[in-house]
Structures are given as structure tokens and as C-alpha cells.
């Protein structure tokens, strides 16, 4: 009886890990989420093209990021500075195909 319970637990853990691996968000998923969440539409994949925010044309002056993919989850930190002086720093945690905004803090340091 105990052997069956351990086998069931092992199967569940393996399935959970497999689901986490196959649903782990990609860097492209993060970039799409960031643009959508901030109301920005860009023509190019690298966002080097003209972008539109609040019905105004904007250009990205500086764009840097850090992407970490552990296989089970991923984290993404992106800093964007626009020519108009506006700056955005975004920290996201991704697991099971979902993205969660995070604040800079102890949890972010542990995950990143």
C-alpha cells in the first residue's frame, strides 16, 4: 500500500515538472506582455521601429533586459527609456504559462 502511494506521488511530481517545462513563458511572451500592459504598439520585433503610446509616436532610446530560464520557471527584468524621458523598469516572473509582475525585493532576488 505504501509503495502505491509513493508511485502515485512520483508520477504526479513528474507530470507537474513536465507541465512546468512545456508551459514556461519565452522571452517573446514577456516582450508581448510588456508592450500590451503598457499600451505600446511597435512595428518591429526589436522595438527599434516607431512605437505608438497614447496615440503619440515614441521612440525607444535605451532598451536593456535580463532573461533567466530555469526550465521550470523564468524571470525577466527589462529597462526601457524613451526619447521623451519616460523610463519603465519591469520585473516579471513566469510559470505555468502565466506572467506575474513583481517588485524589487527579497523574493525577486531569490528568484532571479
Protein backbone atom coordinates (compact mmCIF):
# COMPACT_ATOMS: atom_id res chain seq x y z
CA UNK A 1 0.00 0.00 0.00
CA UNK A 2 2.82 2.43 0.85
CA UNK A 3 4.57 1.54 -2.41
CA UNK A 4 1.48 2.56 -4.43
CA UNK A 5 1.30 5.93 -2.64
CA UNK A 6 4.96 6.66 -3.41
CA UNK A 7 4.48 5.66 -7.03
CA UNK A 8 1.43 7.94 -7.29
CA UNK A 9 3.33 10.84 -5.73
CA UNK A 10 6.28 10.26 -8.07
CA UNK A 11 4.01 10.23 -11.14
CA UNK A 12 2.29 13.45 -10.03
CA UNK A 13 5.64 15.18 -9.44
CA UNK A 14 6.94 14.10 -12.86
CA UNK A 15 3.74 15.33 -14.55
CA UNK A 16 3.91 18.65 -12.68
CA UNK A 17 7.54 19.19 -13.73
CA UNK A 18 6.71 18.28 -17.34
CA UNK A 19 3.82 20.76 -17.37
CA UNK A 20 6.06 23.47 -15.91
CA UNK A 21 8.71 22.86 -18.57
CA UNK A 22 6.28 22.89 -21.51
CA UNK A 23 4.35 25.97 -20.31
CA UNK A 24 7.38 28.06 -19.33
CA UNK A 25 6.98 31.53 -20.95
CA UNK A 26 9.53 32.55 -23.60
CA UNK A 27 11.29 35.87 -23.97
CA UNK A 28 8.89 36.75 -26.80
CA UNK A 29 5.93 36.11 -24.45
CA UNK A 30 7.44 38.56 -21.96
CA UNK A 31 8.02 41.26 -24.59
CA UNK A 32 4.46 40.95 -25.91
CA UNK A 33 3.06 41.19 -22.37
CA UNK A 34 5.17 44.27 -21.57
CA UNK A 35 4.08 46.13 -24.68
CA UNK A 36 0.41 45.22 -24.21
CA UNK A 37 0.38 46.05 -20.49
CA UNK A 38 1.95 49.47 -21.10
CA UNK A 39 -0.26 50.30 -24.08
CA UNK A 40 2.63 50.38 -26.54
CA UNK A 41 2.44 49.20 -30.16
CA UNK A 42 5.69 48.75 -32.09
CA UNK A 43 6.23 47.84 -35.75
CA UNK A 44 9.45 45.85 -35.36
CA UNK A 45 10.31 42.86 -33.21
CA UNK A 46 13.26 44.69 -31.63
CA UNK A 47 11.11 47.74 -30.94
CA UNK A 48 13.70 49.80 -32.86
CA UNK A 49 10.94 50.95 -35.17
CA UNK A 50 8.48 53.69 -34.38
CA UNK A 51 6.19 52.88 -31.46
CA UNK A 52 2.80 54.31 -30.56
CA UNK A 53 1.71 55.03 -26.99
CA UNK A 54 -1.40 57.04 -26.08
CA UNK A 55 -1.87 57.86 -29.80
CA UNK A 56 1.56 59.52 -29.87
CA UNK A 57 4.65 58.37 -31.73
CA UNK A 58 7.51 57.48 -29.40
CA UNK A 59 10.98 56.10 -29.94
CA UNK A 60 12.91 53.87 -27.58
CA UNK A 61 16.22 55.49 -26.63
CA UNK A 62 17.64 52.76 -24.40
CA UNK A 63 16.50 49.17 -24.02
CA UNK A 64 18.18 46.54 -21.84
CA UNK A 65 16.95 43.34 -20.25
CA UNK A 66 17.87 40.25 -18.29
CA UNK A 67 16.11 36.94 -19.03
CA UNK A 68 16.54 33.83 -16.88
CA UNK A 69 15.02 30.49 -17.84
CA UNK A 70 15.49 27.67 -15.34
CA UNK A 71 13.29 25.25 -17.26
CA UNK A 72 10.65 25.17 -14.53
CA UNK A 73 10.11 28.93 -14.35
CA UNK A 74 11.58 32.06 -15.86
CA UNK A 75 12.16 35.65 -14.83
CA UNK A 76 12.58 38.77 -16.90
CA UNK A 77 13.71 42.24 -15.97
CA UNK A 78 13.53 44.98 -18.58
CA UNK A 79 14.54 48.61 -18.51
CA UNK A 80 13.21 50.91 -21.23
CA UNK A 81 13.94 54.59 -21.66
CA UNK A 82 12.07 56.59 -24.27
CA UNK A 83 13.35 59.69 -26.10
CA UNK A 84 10.75 61.77 -24.26
CA UNK A 85 12.47 60.93 -20.94
CA UNK A 86 9.93 58.38 -19.70
CA UNK A 87 11.53 55.34 -18.06
CA UNK A 88 9.99 51.95 -17.31
CA UNK A 89 11.51 49.13 -15.27
CA UNK A 90 9.54 45.90 -15.35
CA UNK A 91 10.16 42.71 -13.38
CA UNK A 92 8.15 39.60 -14.29
CA UNK A 93 8.02 36.03 -13.05
CA UNK A 94 6.66 33.33 -15.37
CA UNK A 95 5.36 29.88 -14.50
CA UNK A 96 2.64 27.60 -15.94
CA UNK A 97 2.28 29.92 -18.95
CA UNK A 98 1.39 32.91 -16.77
CA UNK A 99 3.32 36.11 -16.13
CA UNK A 100 3.27 37.84 -12.77
CA UNK A 101 4.59 41.38 -12.18
CA UNK A 102 6.98 41.61 -9.23
CA UNK A 103 8.51 44.36 -7.15
CA UNK A 104 12.19 44.61 -6.44
CA UNK A 105 12.74 42.87 -3.11
CA UNK A 106 13.83 39.71 -1.35
CA UNK A 107 11.57 37.37 -3.34
CA UNK A 108 12.77 38.87 -6.63
CA UNK A 109 16.40 38.43 -5.53
CA UNK A 110 15.77 34.76 -4.66
CA UNK A 111 14.03 34.03 -7.97
CA UNK A 112 16.45 35.98 -10.08
